[in-house]
C-alpha atoms as a PDB file:
ATOM      1  CA  MET A   1      -8.348 -29.152  22.458  1.00  0.00           C
ATOM      2  CA  SER A   2      -6.962 -31.503  19.639  1.00  0.00           C
ATOM      3  CA  ILE A   3      -4.129 -30.602  17.109  1.00  0.00           C
ATOM      4  CA  PHE A   4      -6.530 -30.672  14.211  1.00  0.00           C
ATOM      5  CA  SER A   5      -9.099 -28.584  16.027  1.00  0.00           C
ATOM      6  CA  ARG A   6      -6.263 -25.923  17.068  1.00  0.00           C
ATOM      7  CA  GLN A   7      -5.276 -25.931  13.304  1.00  0.00           C
ATOM      8  CA  ASN A   8      -8.800 -25.271  12.421  1.00  0.00           C
ATOM      9  CA  LEU A   9      -9.297 -22.456  14.883  1.00  0.00           C
ATOM     10  CA  GLN A  10      -5.815 -20.567  13.503  1.00  0.00           C
ATOM     11  CA  GLU A  11      -7.462 -20.955   9.831  1.00  0.00           C
ATOM     12  CA  ILE A  12     -10.594 -19.401  10.861  1.00  0.00           C
ATOM     13  CA  LEU A  13      -8.771 -16.411  12.735  1.00  0.00           C
ATOM     14  CA  GLN A  14      -6.593 -15.686   9.694  1.00  0.00           C
ATOM     15  CA  THR A  15      -9.555 -15.758   7.509  1.00  0.00           C
ATOM     16  CA  LEU A  16     -11.557 -13.496   9.587  1.00  0.00           C
ATOM     17  CA  ALA A  17      -8.580 -11.137   9.895  1.00  0.00           C
ATOM     18  CA  VAL A  18      -8.268 -10.817   6.086  1.00  0.00           C
ATOM     19  CA  LEU A  19     -12.110 -10.834   5.705  1.00  0.00           C
ATOM     20  CA  GLN A  20     -12.652  -7.669   8.125  1.00  0.00           C
ATOM     21  CA  TRP A  21     -10.156  -5.639   6.413  1.00  0.00           C
ATOM     22  CA  LEU A  22     -11.620  -3.822   3.638  1.00  0.00           C
ATOM     23  CA  PRO A  23     -15.134  -3.969   5.039  1.00  0.00           C
ATOM     24  CA  VAL A  24     -14.094  -2.419   8.266  1.00  0.00           C
ATOM     25  CA  TYR A  25     -12.636   0.649   6.164  1.00  0.00           C
ATOM     26  CA  VAL A  26     -15.942   0.672   4.460  1.00  0.00           C
ATOM     27  CA  MET A  27     -17.968   0.827   7.584  1.00  0.00           C
ATOM     28  CA  LEU A  28     -15.761   3.383   9.248  1.00  0.00           C
ATOM     29  CA  GLY A  29     -16.189   5.697   6.055  1.00  0.00           C
ATOM     30  CA  VAL A  30     -19.895   5.021   5.577  1.00  0.00           C
ATOM     31  CA  ILE A  31     -21.033   5.583   9.227  1.00  0.00           C
ATOM     32  CA  PRO A  32     -19.904   9.292   9.600  1.00  0.00           C
ATOM     33  CA  ILE A  33     -20.903  10.117   6.165  1.00  0.00           C
ATOM     34  CA  LEU A  34     -24.470   8.787   6.622  1.00  0.00           C
ATOM     35  CA  LEU A  35     -24.837   9.402  10.398  1.00  0.00           C
ATOM     36  CA  MET A  36     -23.481  13.013  10.657  1.00  0.00           C
ATOM     37  CA  PRO A  37     -26.101  14.608   8.498  1.00  0.00           C
ATOM     38  CA  TYR A  38     -28.933  12.443   9.748  1.00  0.00           C
ATOM     39  CA  LEU A  39     -28.105  13.615  13.527  1.00  0.00           C
ATOM     40  CA  LEU A  40     -27.648  17.367  12.339  1.00  0.00           C
ATOM     41  CA  VAL A  41     -31.069  17.560  10.751  1.00  0.00           C
ATOM     42  CA  PHE A  42     -33.270  14.995  12.300  1.00  0.00           C
ATOM     43  CA  THR A  43     -32.298  14.392  16.046  1.00  0.00           C
ATOM     44  CA  LYS A  44     -31.446  16.487  19.304  1.00  0.00           C
ATOM     45  CA  PHE A  45     -27.877  15.291  18.739  1.00  0.00           C
ATOM     46  CA  TRP A  46     -27.097  17.662  16.059  1.00  0.00           C
ATOM     47  CA  THR A  47     -24.041  18.890  18.308  1.00  0.00           C
ATOM     48  CA  LEU A  48     -22.144  15.689  17.806  1.00  0.00           C
ATOM     49  CA  SER A  49     -22.015  16.535  14.106  1.00  0.00           C
ATOM     50  CA  VAL A  50     -21.128  20.121  14.691  1.00  0.00           C
ATOM     51  CA  LEU A  51     -17.965  19.005  17.185  1.00  0.00           C
ATOM     52  CA  THR A  52     -16.864  16.405  14.475  1.00  0.00           C
ATOM     53  CA  LEU A  53     -16.685  18.949  11.704  1.00  0.00           C
ATOM     54  CA  ALA A  54     -14.952  21.275  14.079  1.00  0.00           C
ATOM     55  CA  TRP A  55     -12.538  18.851  15.088  1.00  0.00           C
ATOM     56  CA  LEU A  56     -11.685  18.043  11.455  1.00  0.00           C
ATOM     57  CA  ILE A  57     -11.339  21.654  10.659  1.00  0.00           C
ATOM     58  CA  TYR A  58      -9.076  22.142  13.500  1.00  0.00           C
ATOM     59  CA  ASP A  59      -7.034  19.098  13.087  1.00  0.00           C
ATOM     60  CA  TRP A  60      -7.011  19.578   9.160  1.00  0.00           C
ATOM     61  CA  ASN A  61      -3.340  19.534   8.648  1.00  0.00           C
ATOM     62  CA  THR A  62      -1.978  16.716  10.775  1.00  0.00           C
ATOM     63  CA  HIS A  63      -2.399  14.029   8.349  1.00  0.00           C
ATOM     64  CA  SER A  64       0.009  16.037   6.283  1.00  0.00           C
ATOM     65  CA  GLN A  65       2.294  16.652   9.234  1.00  0.00           C
ATOM     66  CA  GLY A  66       3.272  13.215  10.231  1.00  0.00           C
ATOM     67  CA  GLY A  67      -0.001  12.291  11.768  1.00  0.00           C
ATOM     68  CA  ARG A  68      -0.535  10.385  15.077  1.00  0.00           C
ATOM     69  CA  ARG A  69       0.783   6.809  14.734  1.00  0.00           C
ATOM     70  CA  SER A  70       0.265   4.277  17.547  1.00  0.00           C
ATOM     71  CA  ALA A  71       2.768   1.629  18.378  1.00  0.00           C
ATOM     72  CA  TRP A  72      -0.186  -0.265  19.959  1.00  0.00           C
ATOM     73  CA  VAL A  73      -2.660  -0.245  16.900  1.00  0.00           C
ATOM     74  CA  ARG A  74       0.398  -1.589  14.738  1.00  0.00           C
ATOM     75  CA  LYS A  75       0.978  -4.209  17.032  1.00  0.00           C
ATOM     76  CA  TRP A  76      -2.292  -5.661  17.082  1.00  0.00           C
ATOM     77  CA  THR A  77      -2.622  -9.539  17.134  1.00  0.00           C
ATOM     78  CA  LEU A  78      -5.145  -9.200  14.439  1.00  0.00           C
ATOM     79  CA  TRP A  79      -2.329  -8.268  12.025  1.00  0.00           C
ATOM     80  CA  LYS A  80      -0.377 -11.299  12.754  1.00  0.00           C
ATOM     81  CA  TYR A  81      -3.404 -13.377  11.845  1.00  0.00           C
ATOM     82  CA  PHE A  82      -3.625 -11.441   8.753  1.00  0.00           C
ATOM     83  CA  GLN A  83       0.026 -11.869   7.931  1.00  0.00           C
ATOM     84  CA  ASN A  84       0.035 -15.734   8.518  1.00  0.00           C
ATOM     85  CA  TYR A  85      -3.141 -16.325   6.170  1.00  0.00           C
ATOM     86  CA  PHE A  86      -0.823 -15.877   3.248  1.00  0.00           C
ATOM     87  CA  PRO A  87       1.868 -15.825   4.779  1.00  0.00           C
ATOM     88  CA  ILE A  88       3.425 -12.486   4.092  1.00  0.00           C
ATOM     89  CA  LYS A  89       7.244 -11.687   4.812  1.00  0.00           C
ATOM     90  CA  LEU A  90       9.889  -8.893   4.914  1.00  0.00           C
ATOM     91  CA  VAL A  91      13.388  -9.561   3.613  1.00  0.00           C
ATOM     92  CA  LYS A  92      16.066  -6.835   4.121  1.00  0.00           C
ATOM     93  CA  THR A  93      19.055  -7.223   1.591  1.00  0.00           C
ATOM     94  CA  HIS A  94      20.971  -4.079   2.963  1.00  0.00           C
ATOM     95  CA  GLU A  95      20.924  -2.034   6.162  1.00  0.00           C
ATOM     96  CA  LEU A  96      19.184   1.331   6.196  1.00  0.00           C
ATOM     97  CA  SER A  97      21.014   3.841   8.206  1.00  0.00           C
ATOM     98  CA  PRO A  98      18.805   5.920  10.840  1.00  0.00           C
ATOM     99  CA  LYS A  99      21.245   8.992   9.699  1.00  0.00           C
ATOM    100  CA  GLN A 100      19.338   9.193   6.340  1.00  0.00           C
ATOM    101  CA  ASN A 101      15.771   9.509   5.215  1.00  0.00           C
ATOM    102  CA  TYR A 102      14.504   7.141   2.489  1.00  0.00           C
ATOM    103  CA  ILE A 103      11.701   6.707  -0.121  1.00  0.00           C
ATOM    104  CA  ILE A 104      10.667   2.910  -0.534  1.00  0.00           C
ATOM    105  CA  ALA A 105       9.415   2.659  -3.951  1.00  0.00           C
ATOM    106  CA  ASN A 106       7.346  -0.718  -4.168  1.00  0.00           C
ATOM    107  CA  HIS A 107       5.952  -2.815  -6.947  1.00  0.00           C
ATOM    108  CA  PRO A 108       3.876  -4.317  -8.223  1.00  0.00           C
ATOM    109  CA  HIS A 109       0.612  -2.575  -6.876  1.00  0.00           C
ATOM    110  CA  GLY A 110      -1.417  -5.816  -7.166  1.00  0.00           C
ATOM    111  CA  ILE A 111      -5.304  -5.869  -6.636  1.00  0.00           C
ATOM    112  CA  VAL A 112      -4.970  -4.617  -2.889  1.00  0.00           C
ATOM    113  CA  SER A 113      -1.135  -4.193  -2.079  1.00  0.00           C
ATOM    114  CA  TYR A 114      -1.502  -6.587   0.900  1.00  0.00           C
ATOM    115  CA  GLY A 115       2.149  -7.075   1.196  1.00  0.00           C
ATOM    116  CA  VAL A 116       2.774  -3.151   1.562  1.00  0.00           C
ATOM    117  CA  PHE A 117       0.093  -2.898   4.117  1.00  0.00           C
ATOM    118  CA  ILE A 118       1.224  -5.843   6.251  1.00  0.00           C
ATOM    119  CA  ASN A 119       4.809  -5.211   5.833  1.00  0.00           C
ATOM    120  CA  PHE A 120       5.133  -1.275   6.538  1.00  0.00           C
ATOM    121  CA  ALA A 121       1.724  -0.352   8.152  1.00  0.00           C
ATOM    122  CA  THR A 122       1.918  -3.044  10.997  1.00  0.00           C
ATOM    123  CA  GLU A 123       4.577  -4.648  12.913  1.00  0.00           C
ATOM    124  CA  ALA A 124       3.185  -8.042  12.009  1.00  0.00           C
ATOM    125  CA  THR A 125       6.625  -8.871  10.131  1.00  0.00           C
ATOM    126  CA  GLY A 126       8.538  -6.960  12.769  1.00  0.00           C
ATOM    127  CA  PHE A 127       9.775  -3.831  10.398  1.00  0.00           C
ATOM    128  CA  ALA A 128      11.079  -2.143  13.709  1.00  0.00           C
ATOM    129  CA  ARG A 129      13.224  -5.281  14.521  1.00  0.00           C
ATOM    130  CA  ILE A 130      14.394  -5.695  10.970  1.00  0.00           C
ATOM    131  CA  PHE A 131      15.149  -1.993  10.190  1.00  0.00           C
ATOM    132  CA  PRO A 132      15.709  -0.500  13.757  1.00  0.00           C
ATOM    133  CA  GLY A 133      15.683   3.398  13.960  1.00  0.00           C
ATOM    134  CA  ILE A 134      13.503   3.691  10.696  1.00  0.00           C
ATOM    135  CA  THR A 135       9.936   5.035  10.793  1.00  0.00           C
ATOM    136  CA  PRO A 136       8.032   3.806   7.801  1.00  0.00           C
ATOM    137  CA  SER A 137       4.874   5.812   6.546  1.00  0.00           C
ATOM    138  CA  VAL A 138       2.669   4.357   3.765  1.00  0.00           C
ATOM    139  CA  GLY A 139       1.250   6.885   1.226  1.00  0.00           C
ATOM    140  CA  THR A 140      -2.102   6.422   0.244  1.00  0.00           C
ATOM    141  CA  LEU A 141      -5.216   8.627  -1.405  1.00  0.00           C
ATOM    142  CA  GLU A 142      -5.545  11.857   0.191  1.00  0.00           C
ATOM    143  CA  GLY A 143      -9.367  11.778   0.235  1.00  0.00           C
ATOM    144  CA  ILE A 144      -9.354   8.983   2.724  1.00  0.00           C
ATOM    145  CA  PHE A 145      -8.252  11.795   5.428  1.00  0.00           C
ATOM    146  CA  TRP A 146     -11.304  13.662   4.540  1.00  0.00           C
ATOM    147  CA  ILE A 147     -13.547  11.291   6.570  1.00  0.00           C
ATOM    148  CA  PRO A 148     -13.908  11.393  10.196  1.00  0.00           C
ATOM    149  CA  ILE A 149     -12.927   8.277  11.902  1.00  0.00           C
ATOM    150  CA  VAL A 150     -11.417   6.728   9.061  1.00  0.00           C
ATOM    151  CA  ARG A 151      -8.500   9.330   9.226  1.00  0.00           C
ATOM    152  CA  GLU A 152      -7.891   8.469  12.763  1.00  0.00           C
ATOM    153  CA  TYR A 153      -7.600   4.784  12.145  1.00  0.00           C
ATOM    154  CA  VAL A 154      -5.324   4.991   9.037  1.00  0.00           C
ATOM    155  CA  MET A 155      -3.225   7.547  10.792  1.00  0.00           C
ATOM    156  CA  SER A 156      -2.670   5.402  13.744  1.00  0.00           C
ATOM    157  CA  LEU A 157      -1.320   2.765  11.196  1.00  0.00           C
ATOM    158  CA  GLY A 158       1.387   5.189  10.203  1.00  0.00           C
ATOM    159  CA  VAL A 159      -0.493   6.050   6.813  1.00  0.00           C
ATOM    160  CA  CYS A 160      -0.128   9.332   5.151  1.00  0.00           C
ATOM    161  CA  PRO A 161      -1.429  11.197   2.037  1.00  0.00           C
ATOM    162  CA  VAL A 162       0.652  10.423  -1.274  1.00  0.00           C
ATOM    163  CA  SER A 163       0.853  13.923  -1.379  1.00  0.00           C
ATOM    164  CA  LYS A 164       3.976  16.385  -2.083  1.00  0.00           C
ATOM    165  CA  VAL A 165       3.078  18.454   1.107  1.00  0.00           C
ATOM    166  CA  ALA A 166       2.742  15.400   2.991  1.00  0.00           C
ATOM    167  CA  LEU A 167       5.859  13.355   1.763  1.00  0.00           C
ATOM    168  CA  LYS A 168       8.072  16.208   1.721  1.00  0.00           C
ATOM    169  CA  TYR A 169       7.203  17.023   5.269  1.00  0.00           C
ATOM    170  CA  LEU A 170       8.086  13.919   6.418  1.00  0.00           C
ATOM    171  CA  LEU A 171      11.360  13.913   4.624  1.00  0.00           C
ATOM    172  CA  THR A 172      12.414  17.444   5.710  1.00  0.00           C
ATOM    173  CA  GLN A 173      10.786  18.338   9.017  1.00  0.00           C
ATOM    174  CA  LYS A 174      10.896  15.072  11.079  1.00  0.00           C
ATOM    175  CA  GLY A 175      14.752  14.588  11.413  1.00  0.00           C
ATOM    176  CA  SER A 176      16.209  11.639   9.977  1.00  0.00           C
ATOM    177  CA  GLY A 177      15.230   7.850  10.108  1.00  0.00           C
ATOM    178  CA  ASN A 178      11.998   8.203   8.143  1.00  0.00           C
ATOM    179  CA  ALA A 179      11.225   6.306   5.175  1.00  0.00           C
ATOM    180  CA  VAL A 180       7.700   6.946   3.060  1.00  0.00           C
ATOM    181  CA  VAL A 181       6.558   4.007   1.262  1.00  0.00           C
ATOM    182  CA  ILE A 182       5.096   4.714  -2.274  1.00  0.00           C
ATOM    183  CA  VAL A 183       3.428   2.361  -4.533  1.00  0.00           C
ATOM    184  CA  VAL A 184       4.795   3.767  -7.683  1.00  0.00           C
ATOM    185  CA  GLY A 185       2.381   2.228 -10.106  1.00  0.00           C
ATOM    186  CA  GLY A 186      -0.785   3.337  -8.312  1.00  0.00           C
ATOM    187  CA  ALA A 187      -4.075   2.253  -8.986  1.00  0.00           C
ATOM    188  CA  ALA A 188      -3.730   1.995 -12.714  1.00  0.00           C
ATOM    189  CA  GLU A 189      -1.374  -0.712 -12.375  1.00  0.00           C
ATOM    190  CA  ALA A 190      -3.716  -2.769 -10.621  1.00  0.00           C
ATOM    191  CA  LEU A 191      -5.354  -3.473 -14.207  1.00  0.00           C
ATOM    192  CA  LEU A 192      -2.175  -5.032 -15.048  1.00  0.00           C
ATOM    193  CA  CYS A 193      -2.508  -7.612 -12.355  1.00  0.00           C
ATOM    194  CA  GLN A 194      -2.279 -11.218 -13.303  1.00  0.00           C
ATOM    195  CA  PRO A 195      -0.924 -14.264 -11.589  1.00  0.00           C
ATOM    196  CA  GLY A 196       2.514 -15.059 -13.327  1.00  0.00           C
ATOM    197  CA  VAL A 197       2.853 -11.434 -14.655  1.00  0.00           C
ATOM    198  CA  SER A 198       5.574  -9.074 -13.684  1.00  0.00           C
ATOM    199  CA  THR A 199       4.423  -5.978 -15.509  1.00  0.00           C
ATOM    200  CA  ILE A 200       4.743  -2.495 -13.819  1.00  0.00           C
ATOM    201  CA  PHE A 201       4.139   1.330 -14.582  1.00  0.00           C
ATOM    202  CA  LEU A 202       7.325   2.890 -14.325  1.00  0.00           C
ATOM    203  CA  LYS A 203       8.372   4.522 -17.494  1.00  0.00           C
ATOM    204  CA  GLU A 204       6.749   7.716 -16.892  1.00  0.00           C
ATOM    205  CA  ARG A 205       6.616   7.516 -13.194  1.00  0.00           C
ATOM    206  CA  LYS A 206       9.258  10.022 -12.129  1.00  0.00           C
ATOM    207  CA  GLY A 207       7.604  12.057  -9.430  1.00  0.00           C
ATOM    208  CA  PHE A 208       9.041  10.006  -6.662  1.00  0.00           C
ATOM    209  CA  VAL A 209      12.760  10.409  -7.967  1.00  0.00           C
ATOM    210  CA  LYS A 210      12.132  14.258  -8.291  1.00  0.00           C
ATOM    211  CA  LEU A 211      10.822  14.295  -4.841  1.00  0.00           C
ATOM    212  CA  ALA A 212      14.089  12.232  -3.616  1.00  0.00           C
ATOM    213  CA  LEU A 213      16.444  14.814  -5.411  1.00  0.00           C
ATOM    214  CA  LYS A 214      14.617  17.684  -3.978  1.00  0.00           C
ATOM    215  CA  THR A 215      14.841  16.234  -0.273  1.00  0.00           C
ATOM    216  CA  GLY A 216      18.068  14.348  -0.670  1.00  0.00           C
ATOM    217  CA  ALA A 217      16.154  11.265   0.536  1.00  0.00           C
ATOM    218  CA  TYR A 218      17.884   7.993  -0.808  1.00  0.00           C
ATOM    219  CA  LEU A 219      15.971   5.907  -2.942  1.00  0.00           C
ATOM    220  CA  VAL A 220      15.086   2.189  -2.150  1.00  0.00           C
ATOM    221  CA  PRO A 221      13.816  -0.258  -4.545  1.00  0.00           C
ATOM    222  CA  SER A 222      11.035  -3.022  -3.234  1.00  0.00           C
ATOM    223  CA  TYR A 223       9.120  -5.946  -5.088  1.00  0.00           C
ATOM    224  CA  SER A 224       6.387  -7.848  -3.559  1.00  0.00           C
ATOM    225  CA  PHE A 225       6.711 -11.212  -4.888  1.00  0.00           C
ATOM    226  CA  GLY A 226       3.445 -13.125  -4.921  1.00  0.00           C
ATOM    227  CA  GLU A 227       1.235  -9.885  -4.638  1.00  0.00           C
ATOM    228  CA  ASN A 228      -0.056 -10.457  -8.212  1.00  0.00           C
ATOM    229  CA  GLU A 229      -0.726 -14.335  -7.431  1.00  0.00           C
ATOM    230  CA  VAL A 230      -3.344 -13.876  -4.816  1.00  0.00           C
ATOM    231  CA  TYR A 231      -6.347 -12.758  -7.141  1.00  0.00           C
ATOM    232  CA  ASN A 232      -7.471 -13.777 -10.472  1.00  0.00           C
ATOM    233  CA  GLN A 233      -8.624 -10.937 -12.908  1.00  0.00           C
ATOM    234  CA  GLU A 234     -10.864 -11.062 -15.585  1.00  0.00           C
ATOM    235  CA  THR A 235     -10.089  -8.999 -18.474  1.00  0.00           C
ATOM    236  CA  PHE A 236     -12.768  -9.581 -21.391  1.00  0.00           C
ATOM    237  CA  PRO A 237     -11.563  -9.880 -25.241  1.00  0.00           C
ATOM    238  CA  GLU A 238     -11.300  -6.530 -27.191  1.00  0.00           C
ATOM    239  CA  GLY A 239     -14.377  -5.889 -29.079  1.00  0.00           C
ATOM    240  CA  THR A 240     -16.923  -7.570 -27.159  1.00  0.00           C
ATOM    241  CA  TRP A 241     -19.708  -5.549 -25.132  1.00  0.00           C
ATOM    242  CA  LEU A 242     -18.413  -6.948 -21.780  1.00  0.00           C
ATOM    243  CA  ARG A 243     -15.031  -5.151 -22.712  1.00  0.00           C
ATOM    244  CA  LEU A 244     -16.769  -2.066 -23.536  1.00  0.00           C
ATOM    245  CA  LEU A 245     -18.774  -2.222 -20.119  1.00  0.00           C
ATOM    246  CA  GLN A 246     -15.662  -3.224 -18.251  1.00  0.00           C
ATOM    247  CA  LYS A 247     -13.798  -0.158 -19.642  1.00  0.00           C
ATOM    248  CA  THR A 248     -16.744   2.008 -18.962  1.00  0.00           C
ATOM    249  CA  PHE A 249     -16.611   1.308 -15.422  1.00  0.00           C
ATOM    250  CA  GLN A 250     -13.061   1.337 -15.036  1.00  0.00           C
ATOM    251  CA  ASN A 251     -12.800   4.855 -16.637  1.00  0.00           C
ATOM    252  CA  THR A 252     -15.699   6.307 -14.518  1.00  0.00           C
ATOM    253  CA  PHE A 253     -14.468   4.641 -11.211  1.00  0.00           C
ATOM    254  CA  LYS A 254     -11.019   6.213 -11.645  1.00  0.00           C
ATOM    255  CA  LYS A 255     -12.201   9.612 -12.407  1.00  0.00           C
ATOM    256  CA  ILE A 256     -14.710   9.737  -9.556  1.00  0.00           C
ATOM    257  CA  LEU A 257     -12.586   7.774  -6.834  1.00  0.00           C
ATOM    258  CA  GLY A 258      -9.089   7.697  -8.073  1.00  0.00           C
ATOM    259  CA  LEU A 259      -9.422   3.662  -8.096  1.00  0.00           C
ATOM    260  CA  SER A 260      -9.411   1.176 -10.510  1.00  0.00           C
ATOM    261  CA  PHE A 261     -12.401  -1.076 -10.793  1.00  0.00           C
ATOM    262  CA  CYS A 262     -11.010  -4.542 -11.418  1.00  0.00           C
ATOM    263  CA  THR A 263     -12.912  -7.658 -12.103  1.00  0.00           C
ATOM    264  CA  PHE A 264     -11.372 -10.196 -10.214  1.00  0.00           C
ATOM    265  CA  HIS A 265     -12.142 -13.265  -7.840  1.00  0.00           C
ATOM    266  CA  GLY A 266     -10.255 -15.299  -5.274  1.00  0.00           C
ATOM    267  CA  ARG A 267     -11.365 -18.356  -3.235  1.00  0.00           C
ATOM    268  CA  GLY A 268     -14.426 -18.718  -0.863  1.00  0.00           C
ATOM    269  CA  PHE A 269     -14.425 -19.924   2.773  1.00  0.00           C
ATOM    270  CA  THR A 270     -13.325 -23.442   2.001  1.00  0.00           C
ATOM    271  CA  GLN A 271     -10.280 -24.510  -0.424  1.00  0.00           C
ATOM    272  CA  GLY A 272     -11.152 -24.822  -4.094  1.00  0.00           C
ATOM    273  CA  SER A 273     -14.306 -22.475  -3.835  1.00  0.00           C
ATOM    274  CA  TRP A 274     -15.036 -19.166  -5.757  1.00  0.00           C
ATOM    275  CA  GLY A 275     -15.317 -16.042  -3.897  1.00  0.00           C
ATOM    276  CA  PHE A 276     -13.101 -12.772  -2.903  1.00  0.00           C
ATOM    277  CA  LEU A 277     -11.018 -14.089  -0.357  1.00  0.00           C
ATOM    278  CA  PRO A 278      -7.345 -13.756  -1.690  1.00  0.00           C
ATOM    279  CA  PHE A 279      -5.797 -17.006  -2.399  1.00  0.00           C
ATOM    280  CA  ASN A 280      -3.598 -18.359   0.474  1.00  0.00           C
ATOM    281  CA  ARG A 281      -0.345 -17.661  -1.492  1.00  0.00           C
ATOM    282  CA  PRO A 282       2.757 -16.217  -0.034  1.00  0.00           C
ATOM    283  CA  ILE A 283       3.704 -12.526  -0.619  1.00  0.00           C
ATOM    284  CA  THR A 284       7.436 -11.664   0.077  1.00  0.00           C
ATOM    285  CA  THR A 285       8.448  -8.095   0.003  1.00  0.00           C
ATOM    286  CA  VAL A 286      12.257  -7.960  -0.677  1.00  0.00           C
ATOM    287  CA  VAL A 287      13.700  -4.480   0.188  1.00  0.00           C
ATOM    288  CA  GLY A 288      16.838  -3.761  -1.649  1.00  0.00           C
ATOM    289  CA  GLU A 289      19.915  -1.512  -1.505  1.00  0.00           C
ATOM    290  CA  PRO A 290      19.471   2.099  -1.061  1.00  0.00           C
ATOM    291  CA  LEU A 291      20.516   4.396  -3.837  1.00  0.00           C
ATOM    292  CA  PRO A 292      22.238   7.826  -2.783  1.00  0.00           C
ATOM    293  CA  ILE A 293      20.465  10.773  -4.163  1.00  0.00           C
ATOM    294  CA  PRO A 294      22.160  14.220  -3.943  1.00  0.00           C
ATOM    295  CA  LYS A 295      19.674  17.056  -2.623  1.00  0.00           C
ATOM    296  CA  ILE A 296      19.198  19.522  -5.449  1.00  0.00           C
ATOM    297  CA  GLU A 297      16.431  22.039  -5.027  1.00  0.00           C
ATOM    298  CA  ARG A 298      15.434  22.366  -8.668  1.00  0.00           C
ATOM    299  CA  PRO A 299      16.502  19.361 -10.254  1.00  0.00           C
ATOM    300  CA  SER A 300      16.732  19.459 -14.079  1.00  0.00           C
ATOM    301  CA  LYS A 301      14.596  17.120 -16.442  1.00  0.00           C
ATOM    302  CA  LYS A 302      18.002  15.380 -17.318  1.00  0.00           C
ATOM    303  CA  THR A 303      19.098  14.864 -13.850  1.00  0.00           C
ATOM    304  CA  VAL A 304      15.526  13.562 -12.919  1.00  0.00           C
ATOM    305  CA  ASP A 305      16.118  11.161 -16.105  1.00  0.00           C
ATOM    306  CA  LYS A 306      19.588  10.033 -14.852  1.00  0.00           C
ATOM    307  CA  TYR A 307      18.433   9.047 -11.439  1.00  0.00           C
ATOM    308  CA  HIS A 308      15.269   7.558 -12.831  1.00  0.00           C
ATOM    309  CA  ALA A 309      17.251   5.373 -15.159  1.00  0.00           C
ATOM    310  CA  LEU A 310      19.575   4.308 -12.214  1.00  0.00           C
ATOM    311  CA  TYR A 311      16.745   3.315 -10.337  1.00  0.00           C
ATOM    312  CA  ILE A 312      15.215   1.061 -12.788  1.00  0.00           C
ATOM    313  CA  SER A 313      18.620  -0.508 -13.067  1.00  0.00           C
ATOM    314  CA  ALA A 314      18.474  -1.045  -9.290  1.00  0.00           C
ATOM    315  CA  LEU A 315      15.012  -2.592  -9.190  1.00  0.00           C
ATOM    316  CA  ARG A 316      15.586  -4.926 -12.268  1.00  0.00           C
ATOM    317  CA  LYS A 317      18.698  -6.120 -10.435  1.00  0.00           C
ATOM    318  CA  LEU A 318      16.946  -6.768  -7.331  1.00  0.00           C
ATOM    319  CA  PHE A 319      14.098  -8.534  -9.293  1.00  0.00           C
ATOM    320  CA  ASP A 320      16.569 -10.953 -11.229  1.00  0.00           C
ATOM    321  CA  GLN A 321      18.402 -11.716  -7.847  1.00  0.00           C
ATOM    322  CA  HIS A 322      15.126 -12.887  -5.991  1.00  0.00           C
ATOM    323  CA  LYS A 323      12.688 -13.783  -8.622  1.00  0.00           C
ATOM    324  CA  VAL A 324      13.478 -17.636  -8.737  1.00  0.00           C
ATOM    325  CA  GLN A 325      13.657 -18.015  -4.904  1.00  0.00           C
ATOM    326  CA  TYR A 326      10.048 -16.285  -4.705  1.00  0.00           C
ATOM    327  CA  GLY A 327       8.306 -17.994  -7.520  1.00  0.00           C
ATOM    328  CA  PHE A 328       9.313 -16.925 -10.937  1.00  0.00           C
ATOM    329  CA  SER A 329      11.488 -18.837 -13.523  1.00  0.00           C
ATOM    330  CA  GLU A 330      14.954 -18.001 -14.520  1.00  0.00           C
ATOM    331  CA  THR A 331      13.834 -16.689 -17.706  1.00  0.00           C
ATOM    332  CA  GLN A 332      10.820 -14.319 -16.410  1.00  0.00           C
ATOM    333  CA  ASP A 333      11.691 -10.742 -17.085  1.00  0.00           C
ATOM    334  CA  LEU A 334      10.451  -7.681 -15.459  1.00  0.00           C
ATOM    335  CA  THR A 335       8.376  -5.687 -17.962  1.00  0.00           C
ATOM    336  CA  ILE A 336       8.436  -1.894 -17.548  1.00  0.00           C
ATOM    337  CA  ILE A 337       5.946   0.099 -19.420  1.00  0.00           C
END
C-alpha cells in the first residue's frame, strides 16, 4: 500500500470516528425508547421490556455513586482516531496529587465540547499517564442516565451526572485522587461560541465553588483553546424574523431538553465543502494550577464570592499565559459575563 493511500485511509478512519459519535448516542437512546413499548404491547417478547425496566429501577442509584467505568472502553482505538482528526491535546502545567480530590472546571463549552470528551472521558490523549493516580469523571445532563443502554455506555467512559448528589459522592465517598470535570458555562455558553471569540459564562456560576468549599476539593482551572474554532455559528441580525424564529427554537429547546439549539455548520466530507463535520482545527486543553480550598460545611456567600474571585484570577492567568501559543493574539482578552 502506498504512503498516499495509507494517509487517505487514516483520514477516512478519523472522519468516521468523529462522524459516528453523536449518531451513536442518538441511536442508543432512540432504540430502547421506541423498541421497549413495542415489545411490551405488540410482541411475545414483552418480558425483555419488563426486565430492562426492572434492571433500570434496581440499578437506579449507580450513576450517582461513581458509576461503572471501563478501562477497556476508555482505551478503544476509535478514540485515538477521533483525537487525531483535529488533533486534540492535553497539556499539564502542574502536578495533581493523588492525596487530594479536585474539581476541574473547563471553559469554553463550544458547540459540542470535543476537548473535554476526548481528554477526560477517554484515554486517547493519555490522561492516566499525564496525571497518574487521578480518576476523572466528566459531568453531563442527568437525563441521559434515565435511558437504558445509553447510561451503560456513558458510565463506561467515566461520565457522571452533573448533579450535587453525584458530584458530592465522588468527592467525599470514593477516597482521594478523584477529579470531577465540569464545563461551567453549560449549554447556554454554546450560544456564545464563535471562532476567534473567548467569551464565557462565569460571573454568576458559583455552584462549583460552593461544592469545592463543602467538600474541600481543590479547584483547577482549565481552558480548551480551539474549542470555539471547530464550527461556525450563525446568529441572525436582531429584529429580523429569522432571529425571532431562532430565539423561539432556542428557548423551547432549552426548556424541554436542557440543551441549546445552535445554528452552526462545519465542513463536509471534502476539505472546502459545507457540512456538519467539525473543521480539522487543533484543540488544546490546558490544565492549570490547583487552587487549595478549605473545607467549610456551610460556606457563607462572602466566602463563596472570595474563592470565586480567586478562581477567576487563576483562570485569567492561565488564559493569558497560553493564549499566544495556542492561537490567540497577545491583545486577546478573556471576556467573562
